[in-house]
Protein backbone atom coordinates (compact mmCIF):
# COMPACT_ATOMS: atom_id res chain seq x y z
CA MET A 1 67.02 -174.24 98.20
CA GLN A 2 67.64 -170.89 99.87
CA ASN A 3 64.65 -171.40 102.01
CA LYS A 4 65.83 -172.46 105.57
CA ASN A 5 62.64 -174.18 106.24
CA LEU A 6 62.33 -176.13 102.93
CA VAL A 7 66.14 -177.14 103.48
CA LEU A 8 65.32 -178.68 107.12
CA LEU A 9 62.05 -180.52 105.59
CA TRP A 10 64.19 -181.86 102.46
CA THR A 11 67.09 -182.86 104.67
CA GLY A 12 64.95 -184.73 107.29
CA LYS A 13 63.04 -186.44 104.32
CA LEU A 14 66.29 -187.54 102.53
CA VAL A 15 67.71 -189.08 105.52
CA SER A 16 64.80 -190.92 106.37
CA ALA A 17 63.94 -191.95 102.86
CA LEU A 18 67.33 -193.42 102.22
CA GLY A 19 66.93 -195.34 105.49
CA ASP A 20 63.55 -196.59 104.47
CA ARG A 21 64.82 -197.69 101.13
CA MET A 22 67.33 -199.82 102.61
CA TYR A 23 64.82 -201.27 104.99
CA ALA A 24 62.37 -202.08 102.17
CA ILE A 25 65.11 -204.06 100.34
CA ALA A 26 65.84 -206.08 103.65
CA ILE A 27 62.38 -206.80 104.74
CA ALA A 28 61.21 -207.70 101.34
CA TRP A 29 64.13 -210.30 100.92
CA TRP A 30 63.75 -211.39 104.52
CA ILE A 31 59.95 -212.20 104.01
CA LEU A 32 60.61 -214.01 100.56
CA GLU A 33 63.58 -215.93 102.27
CA VAL A 34 61.45 -216.95 105.12
CA THR A 35 58.24 -217.85 103.31
CA ASN A 36 59.17 -217.98 99.75
CA SER A 37 55.68 -216.76 99.03
CA PRO A 38 54.67 -213.77 97.11
CA THR A 39 51.27 -213.91 98.85
CA ILE A 40 52.95 -213.07 102.13
CA MET A 41 54.66 -210.38 100.39
CA GLY A 42 51.51 -209.00 99.30
CA LEU A 43 49.85 -209.33 102.78
CA TYR A 44 53.04 -207.47 104.17
CA LEU A 45 52.40 -204.54 101.69
CA LEU A 46 48.63 -204.70 102.35
CA SER A 47 49.55 -204.11 106.11
CA ALA A 48 51.79 -201.28 105.09
CA THR A 49 49.02 -199.42 103.40
CA LEU A 50 45.45 -200.50 104.61
CA PRO A 51 45.72 -198.58 107.97
CA MET A 52 46.85 -195.42 106.22
CA VAL A 53 43.94 -195.82 104.10
CA LEU A 54 41.40 -196.44 107.12
CA LEU A 55 42.73 -193.54 109.07
CA GLY A 56 43.05 -191.10 106.10
CA LEU A 57 39.96 -188.91 106.47
CA VAL A 58 40.48 -188.64 110.33
CA ALA A 59 44.02 -187.73 109.90
CA GLY A 60 43.32 -184.92 107.34
CA ALA A 61 41.02 -183.35 109.80
CA VAL A 62 43.32 -183.56 112.61
CA ILE A 63 45.94 -182.18 110.64
CA ASP A 64 43.93 -178.95 109.65
CA LYS A 65 43.78 -178.02 113.11
CA SER A 66 47.35 -179.17 114.25
CA ASN A 67 50.58 -177.67 114.49
CA LEU A 68 52.09 -179.42 111.23
CA LYS A 69 55.64 -179.24 112.40
CA ASN A 70 54.72 -181.19 115.78
CA VAL A 71 52.67 -183.78 113.50
CA LEU A 72 55.93 -184.53 111.44
CA VAL A 73 58.27 -184.83 114.33
CA ILE A 74 55.80 -187.14 116.49
CA ALA A 75 55.14 -189.30 113.27
CA ASP A 76 59.05 -189.67 112.69
CA VAL A 77 59.53 -190.53 116.26
CA VAL A 78 56.92 -193.35 116.26
CA ARG A 79 58.09 -194.82 113.19
CA GLY A 80 61.83 -194.51 114.26
CA VAL A 81 61.12 -196.15 117.42
CA GLY A 82 59.17 -199.11 115.87
CA ILE A 83 61.75 -199.91 113.13
CA VAL A 84 64.50 -199.95 116.22
CA LEU A 85 62.44 -202.51 117.93
CA LEU A 86 62.60 -204.77 114.96
CA GLY A 87 66.09 -204.52 114.86
CA ILE A 88 66.47 -205.58 118.44
CA LEU A 89 63.93 -208.38 117.94
CA PHE A 90 66.13 -209.95 114.99
CA GLN A 91 69.29 -209.54 116.83
CA PHE A 92 68.00 -211.59 119.76
CA GLY A 93 66.39 -214.19 117.56
CA ASN A 94 62.70 -213.32 118.23
CA LEU A 95 61.66 -211.53 115.06
CA SER A 96 58.49 -213.18 113.69
CA LEU A 97 56.04 -212.25 110.85
CA LEU A 98 53.50 -211.29 113.66
CA SER A 99 55.98 -208.86 115.25
CA VAL A 100 56.71 -207.42 111.55
CA PHE A 101 53.28 -207.20 110.73
CA ALA A 102 52.46 -205.26 114.06
CA VAL A 103 55.11 -202.80 113.76
CA THR A 104 54.37 -202.06 110.09
CA VAL A 105 50.76 -201.20 110.87
CA VAL A 106 51.87 -198.84 113.59
CA VAL A 107 54.47 -197.06 110.92
CA SER A 108 51.55 -197.01 108.56
CA LEU A 109 49.23 -195.31 111.03
CA SER A 110 51.97 -192.74 111.64
CA SER A 111 52.47 -192.09 107.85
CA ALA A 112 48.96 -191.35 107.63
CA PHE A 113 49.51 -188.25 109.59
CA PHE A 114 52.97 -187.60 108.23
CA ASN A 115 52.22 -187.51 104.48
CA PRO A 116 49.37 -185.37 104.14
CA ALA A 117 51.30 -183.02 106.94
CA VAL A 118 54.22 -182.76 104.32
CA THR A 119 51.87 -181.60 101.36
CA SER A 120 50.15 -179.19 103.88
CA ILE A 121 53.38 -177.59 105.27
CA ILE A 122 54.96 -176.52 101.91
CA PRO A 123 52.38 -173.58 101.08
CA HIS A 124 53.13 -172.43 104.53
CA ILE A 125 56.94 -172.21 103.72
CA VAL A 126 56.90 -171.63 100.27
CA SER A 127 55.68 -168.90 98.09
CA LYS A 128 52.76 -169.85 95.82
CA ASN A 129 54.73 -169.23 92.66
CA LYS A 130 57.51 -171.69 93.79
CA LEU A 131 55.00 -174.59 94.85
CA GLY A 132 55.91 -176.74 91.74
CA ASN A 133 59.56 -176.49 92.24
CA ALA A 134 59.36 -177.14 96.04
CA ASN A 135 57.29 -180.13 95.34
CA SER A 136 59.89 -181.24 92.76
CA LEU A 137 62.91 -180.85 95.14
CA VAL A 138 60.70 -182.75 97.82
CA GLN A 139 59.79 -185.57 95.28
CA LEU A 140 63.53 -185.73 94.48
CA VAL A 141 64.30 -186.98 97.89
CA ASP A 142 62.37 -190.13 96.75
CA GLY A 143 64.31 -190.65 93.76
CA VAL A 144 67.66 -190.20 95.34
CA ALA A 145 66.90 -192.72 97.85
CA LYS A 146 65.43 -195.17 95.24
CA VAL A 147 68.67 -195.01 93.69
CA ALA A 148 71.18 -194.86 96.58
CA GLY A 149 68.94 -196.95 98.95
CA PRO A 150 68.88 -200.17 97.20
CA PHE A 151 72.57 -200.45 96.69
CA ALA A 152 72.97 -199.68 100.34
CA GLY A 153 70.43 -201.97 101.50
CA VAL A 154 72.08 -204.91 99.67
CA ALA A 155 75.42 -203.77 100.97
CA VAL A 156 74.08 -203.65 104.41
CA VAL A 157 72.52 -206.93 104.58
CA ALA A 158 75.58 -208.63 102.89
CA GLY A 159 77.61 -206.64 105.63
CA VAL A 160 75.78 -206.64 108.94
CA GLY A 161 72.71 -208.59 108.23
CA TYR A 162 68.99 -207.79 108.66
CA SER A 163 69.54 -206.05 112.06
CA GLY A 164 71.78 -203.41 110.50
CA ALA A 165 69.15 -202.33 107.94
CA PHE A 166 66.63 -202.02 110.57
CA TYR A 167 68.59 -200.12 112.88
CA LEU A 168 69.79 -197.84 110.27
CA ASN A 169 66.05 -197.14 109.15
CA GLY A 170 65.02 -196.47 112.82
CA VAL A 171 67.66 -193.97 113.44
CA SER A 172 66.94 -192.31 110.28
CA PHE A 173 63.65 -191.53 111.21
CA LEU A 174 64.87 -190.09 114.30
CA LEU A 175 67.28 -187.91 112.54
CA SER A 176 64.50 -186.63 110.27
CA ALA A 177 62.67 -185.61 113.35
CA PHE A 178 65.50 -183.85 114.78
CA PHE A 179 65.86 -181.58 111.63
CA GLU A 180 62.11 -181.19 111.55
CA VAL A 181 61.99 -179.67 114.97
CA PHE A 182 63.66 -176.50 113.78
CA ILE A 183 61.21 -175.93 111.00
CA ARG A 184 59.52 -172.37 111.66
CA TYR A 185 55.98 -171.29 110.29
CA ASN A 186 53.00 -169.33 111.27
CA HIS A 187 50.73 -171.61 113.00
CA LYS A 188 47.26 -170.62 114.12
CA LYS A 189 46.47 -172.34 117.36
CA THR A 190 43.14 -173.95 117.35
CA VAL A 191 40.97 -174.89 120.39
CA TRP A 192 39.08 -177.89 119.87
CA ALA A 193 36.51 -177.42 122.45
CA THR A 194 36.02 -175.46 125.54
CA THR A 195 32.93 -176.86 127.16
CA SER A 196 32.74 -179.34 129.96
CA ASP A 197 31.59 -182.15 127.39
CA LYS A 198 34.93 -181.68 125.68
CA LYS A 199 35.08 -185.34 124.08
CA LEU A 200 31.62 -185.00 122.56
CA LYS A 201 32.18 -181.51 121.27
CA THR A 202 35.58 -182.63 119.76
CA ARG A 203 34.00 -185.65 118.07
CA ARG A 204 31.45 -183.46 116.68
CA ILE A 205 34.00 -181.02 115.33
CA LEU A 206 35.92 -183.67 113.77
CA THR A 207 33.06 -185.32 112.19
CA SER A 208 31.77 -181.67 110.97
CA ASP A 209 35.27 -181.19 109.54
CA ILE A 210 35.55 -184.38 107.72
CA LYS A 211 32.09 -183.79 106.07
CA GLU A 212 33.20 -180.32 104.98
CA GLY A 213 36.43 -181.67 103.26
CA LEU A 214 34.35 -184.25 101.39
CA VAL A 215 31.71 -181.84 100.47
CA TYR A 216 34.51 -179.40 99.04
CA VAL A 217 36.08 -182.16 97.06
CA TRP A 218 32.81 -183.36 95.68
CA GLY A 219 31.88 -179.84 94.52
CA ASN A 220 34.95 -179.24 92.86
CA GLU A 221 34.45 -181.01 89.32
CA LYS A 222 38.09 -180.79 88.06
CA LEU A 223 39.32 -182.12 91.18
CA LEU A 224 36.62 -184.92 91.27
CA HIS A 225 37.42 -185.87 87.49
CA LEU A 226 41.23 -186.23 88.10
CA LEU A 227 40.50 -188.24 91.33
CA PHE A 228 39.09 -190.91 89.12
CA TYR A 229 42.50 -191.05 87.30
CA ILE A 230 44.16 -191.25 90.28
CA PHE A 231 41.89 -194.13 91.79
CA ALA A 232 42.46 -196.29 88.60
CA ALA A 233 46.15 -195.69 88.05
CA HIS A 234 47.12 -196.43 91.67
CA PHE A 235 45.91 -200.01 91.46
CA PHE A 236 48.50 -200.96 88.64
CA VAL A 237 51.04 -198.58 90.26
CA GLY A 238 50.72 -200.61 93.38
CA ALA A 239 51.68 -203.89 91.23
CA VAL A 240 55.12 -202.42 90.81
CA SER A 241 55.92 -203.01 94.66
CA VAL A 242 55.06 -206.70 94.09
CA MET A 243 56.46 -206.93 90.68
CA LEU A 244 60.03 -206.03 91.31
CA PRO A 245 60.81 -208.55 94.17
CA VAL A 246 59.09 -211.18 92.07
CA MET A 247 61.04 -210.35 88.90
CA ALA A 248 64.27 -210.64 90.95
CA LYS A 249 63.28 -213.74 92.94
CA PHE A 250 61.82 -215.90 90.23
CA VAL A 251 62.40 -214.37 86.79
CA SER A 252 66.21 -213.70 87.44
CA ASN A 253 66.96 -216.99 89.43
CA ASN A 254 66.83 -215.61 93.19
CA ASN A 255 69.13 -212.61 92.10
CA LEU A 256 69.26 -210.06 95.22
CA ASN A 257 71.50 -207.84 93.11
CA LEU A 258 69.00 -207.36 90.41
CA LEU A 259 66.56 -206.27 92.84
CA GLY A 260 68.81 -203.68 94.04
CA ILE A 261 69.51 -202.58 90.58
CA LEU A 262 65.93 -202.43 89.42
CA GLU A 263 65.02 -200.56 92.67
CA ALA A 264 67.99 -198.01 91.84
CA VAL A 265 66.76 -197.79 88.15
CA LEU A 266 63.26 -196.92 89.35
CA GLY A 267 64.67 -194.31 91.50
CA ALA A 268 66.63 -192.90 88.88
CA GLY A 269 63.57 -192.30 87.01
CA PHE A 270 62.41 -190.38 89.95
CA VAL A 271 65.53 -188.40 89.98
CA VAL A 272 65.51 -187.44 86.40
CA GLY A 273 61.68 -186.55 86.48
CA ALA A 274 62.17 -184.48 89.58
CA LEU A 275 65.14 -182.72 88.31
CA PHE A 276 63.32 -181.95 85.10
CA LEU A 277 60.24 -180.67 86.85
CA SER A 278 62.14 -178.32 89.26
CA ARG A 279 63.38 -176.28 86.54
CA LEU A 280 59.91 -175.52 85.02
CA HIS A 281 58.10 -172.28 85.54
CA SER A 282 54.92 -172.78 87.69
CA ASP A 283 52.47 -172.43 84.75
CA LYS A 284 53.97 -175.64 83.18
CA PHE A 285 52.46 -177.77 86.10
CA ASN A 286 49.09 -179.22 84.48
CA ALA A 287 47.17 -181.89 86.19
CA ASP A 288 45.64 -182.44 82.84
CA MET A 289 48.68 -184.27 81.66
CA LEU A 290 47.67 -187.26 83.86
CA PRO A 291 45.95 -189.54 81.47
CA LYS A 292 48.98 -189.11 79.01
CA ILE A 293 51.17 -190.01 81.67
CA PHE A 294 49.16 -193.09 82.75
CA THR A 295 48.97 -194.42 79.17
CA ILE A 296 52.89 -194.25 79.10
CA LEU A 297 52.81 -195.94 82.34
CA ALA A 298 50.69 -198.84 80.79
CA CYS A 299 53.18 -199.30 77.87
CA CYS A 300 56.04 -199.81 80.13
CA PHE A 301 53.86 -202.77 81.81
CA ILE A 302 53.46 -204.15 78.19
CA GLY A 303 57.28 -203.74 77.69
CA ILE A 304 58.49 -205.41 80.61
CA GLY A 305 55.91 -208.49 80.24
CA SER A 306 57.11 -208.82 76.66
CA ILE A 307 60.93 -208.97 77.63
CA ALA A 308 59.92 -211.72 80.21
CA HIS A 309 58.07 -213.66 77.88
CA PHE A 310 61.31 -214.38 76.08
CA ASP A 311 63.48 -216.44 78.68
CA HIS A 312 66.62 -215.77 76.53
CA LEU A 313 66.93 -212.13 76.60
CA PRO A 314 69.07 -210.45 78.93
CA VAL A 315 67.80 -209.00 81.90
CA TRP A 316 69.31 -205.57 81.58
CA LEU A 317 66.39 -204.83 78.85
CA PHE A 318 64.20 -204.61 81.89
CA VAL A 319 65.93 -201.34 82.69
CA PRO A 320 64.20 -198.83 80.02
CA PRO A 321 60.69 -199.56 81.11
CA VAL A 322 61.48 -199.70 84.80
CA PHE A 323 63.18 -196.24 84.40
CA MET A 324 60.05 -194.84 82.63
CA ILE A 325 57.87 -196.21 85.33
CA GLY A 326 59.76 -194.18 87.98
CA TYR A 327 59.64 -191.01 85.81
CA CYS A 328 55.86 -191.50 84.91
CA ILE A 329 54.80 -191.95 88.78
CA VAL A 330 56.96 -188.95 89.94
CA TYR A 331 55.67 -186.80 86.92
CA ALA A 332 51.98 -187.44 88.04
CA SER A 333 52.91 -186.95 91.60
CA ILE A 334 54.20 -183.78 91.44
CA ASN A 335 51.75 -182.22 89.04
CA TRP A 336 48.82 -183.60 91.22
CA LYS A 337 50.18 -182.16 94.56
CA THR A 338 50.97 -178.70 92.89
CA PHE A 339 47.35 -178.79 91.54
CA ILE A 340 45.72 -179.42 94.86
CA GLN A 341 48.11 -177.00 96.62
CA THR A 342 47.40 -174.01 94.20
CA ASP A 343 43.55 -174.90 93.84
CA THR A 344 42.75 -175.51 97.59
CA PRO A 345 42.52 -173.01 100.70
CA LYS A 346 45.14 -173.58 103.04
CA GLU A 347 42.53 -174.26 105.78
CA LYS A 348 41.09 -177.16 104.02
CA LEU A 349 44.51 -178.42 102.32
CA GLY A 350 45.11 -181.07 105.10
CA ARG A 351 41.63 -182.73 104.39
CA VAL A 352 42.07 -182.53 100.78
CA ALA A 353 45.40 -183.97 100.69
CA ALA A 354 44.29 -186.75 102.92
CA ILE A 355 41.14 -187.45 100.61
CA SER A 356 43.24 -187.53 97.73
CA SER A 357 45.56 -189.90 99.18
CA LEU A 358 42.86 -191.96 100.32
CA VAL A 359 41.45 -192.07 96.87
CA GLY A 360 44.75 -193.46 95.43
CA ASP A 361 45.89 -195.55 98.35
CA ILE A 362 42.55 -197.45 98.87
CA THR A 363 43.43 -199.33 95.80
CA LEU A 364 47.05 -200.21 96.76
CA PRO A 365 46.14 -202.89 99.62
CA VAL A 366 43.72 -204.54 97.21
CA ALA A 367 46.57 -204.37 94.51
CA PHE A 368 49.19 -205.66 96.76
CA ALA A 369 47.01 -208.66 98.04
CA LEU A 370 45.71 -209.29 94.70
CA TYR A 371 49.00 -209.23 92.74
CA GLY A 372 50.85 -211.31 95.47
CA PHE A 373 47.97 -214.18 94.99
CA LEU A 374 48.09 -213.85 91.24
CA PHE A 375 51.91 -213.86 90.91
CA ASP A 376 51.82 -217.27 92.86
CA ARG A 377 49.41 -218.71 90.20
CA LEU A 378 49.81 -216.93 86.83
CA ASN A 379 52.81 -216.43 84.31
CA PHE A 380 54.79 -213.28 85.11
CA ALA A 381 54.71 -212.16 81.49
CA PHE A 382 51.17 -212.81 80.78
CA LEU A 383 50.00 -210.89 84.00
CA THR A 384 52.27 -207.86 83.30
CA ILE A 385 51.19 -207.35 79.82
CA LEU A 386 47.37 -207.85 80.77
CA SER A 387 47.91 -205.22 83.58
CA GLY A 388 49.29 -202.61 80.91
CA ILE A 389 46.31 -203.40 78.72
CA LEU A 390 43.65 -202.84 81.53
CA LEU A 391 45.33 -199.65 82.54
CA ILE A 392 45.11 -198.24 79.11
CA VAL A 393 41.56 -199.51 78.85
CA SER A 394 40.58 -197.85 82.15
CA VAL A 395 42.22 -194.39 81.41
CA ASN A 396 40.37 -194.19 78.01
CA LEU A 397 36.93 -195.25 79.72
CA ILE A 398 37.38 -192.59 82.44
CA GLY A 399 38.31 -189.92 79.96
CA LEU A 400 35.10 -191.20 77.70
CA LYS A 401 32.82 -190.80 80.63
CA SER A 402 34.07 -187.38 81.73
CA ARG A 403 33.91 -185.94 77.98
CA GLN A 404 30.19 -187.24 78.02
CA ARG A 405 29.44 -185.58 81.21
CA LEU A 406 31.07 -182.35 80.41
CA ALA A 407 29.06 -182.42 77.01
CA SER A 408 25.78 -182.73 78.83
CA VAL A 409 26.67 -180.10 81.39
CA ILE A 410 27.59 -177.40 78.96
CA PRO A 411 24.52 -177.45 77.00
CA LEU A 412 22.60 -177.03 80.46
CA LYS A 413 24.44 -174.09 81.36
CA ALA A 414 24.10 -172.44 78.02
CA GLU A 415 20.38 -172.89 78.04
CA SER A 416 20.10 -171.52 81.74
CA GLY A 417 22.12 -168.38 80.49
CA ARG A 418 19.51 -167.38 77.90
């Protein structure tokens, strides 16, 4: 944390993440209060991720030719203004599901640029041997926000209402943009086009850059192999965002405080995982750990479903598996980000970060909508246990296919070397 630029990035993310968690609690409870429908909750989460997925490849190509600091600042300003607008609409009694969904789409589009830009800028402001530690500290922000944000969100909603949570989140994004303005790094200015047919030339360059990024990923066997794990696991990780509000609303008899506690426990898992990894040496970050991490994650799902099956068991028994879910998510995320930062040339990092986010996030909208629909119709315990079993099966099938592929490739290489 002696790196000034990293401190500015870290502080900005911390402020906005805290506001974001308060907002997440407020908006989730407002939607369930107004509609009483997990399906609508799932559709809201769909609107929060689908635009990010659709714009991911374009955003990655743009980021690689842009000033990363400007991308961060503009994205935070747009998100801040959008959330403040929701606060104004609620205060004057005009907040509707349509306006919430519209602003959520705009925020998601901004995040499509913001998230890969964070991953891309870190190697520019941190030395290579400190990347794992820097990623751990940045990831720690999400953990701290998940611990403090839910309690603050419940307190804010109880004290000043939904509008207070909306205003605080909007202002937090604007404060984040303020801190990011002072980040300094060496940026090579790129001229998109210099001909008279500027729009056509820019479009061709953009298309070519996207294709180049896809070709690079497709040709990197280890990266491609690990993307399959990310693709499968993210579907079930997406279920967590729907699961926690449903647990608090229906499993525990409409308990808003329990939602805050569960979100905080999830965040505690983030914090512990990030703190642990921030102290490791750079050679300890290994993306090959992902299959084991996702297997543990699956066991946590099975544990939650088993507890929910017995109505007489105390709700605090949910705490250990929810904590471990947070720990596993942050452990996987940090190892993954460190791998692509060390393995990818800086001039391609924005595209690779965007593609990896796309591969993972493309399953999230489907998971949000599907789990919202299923929780409306199926038993919570049964669905959660089934999800854990399916995740274990998916991880092992992917591993088996990968081992078979490697087994077929190695003999061919040996024969060609004779």
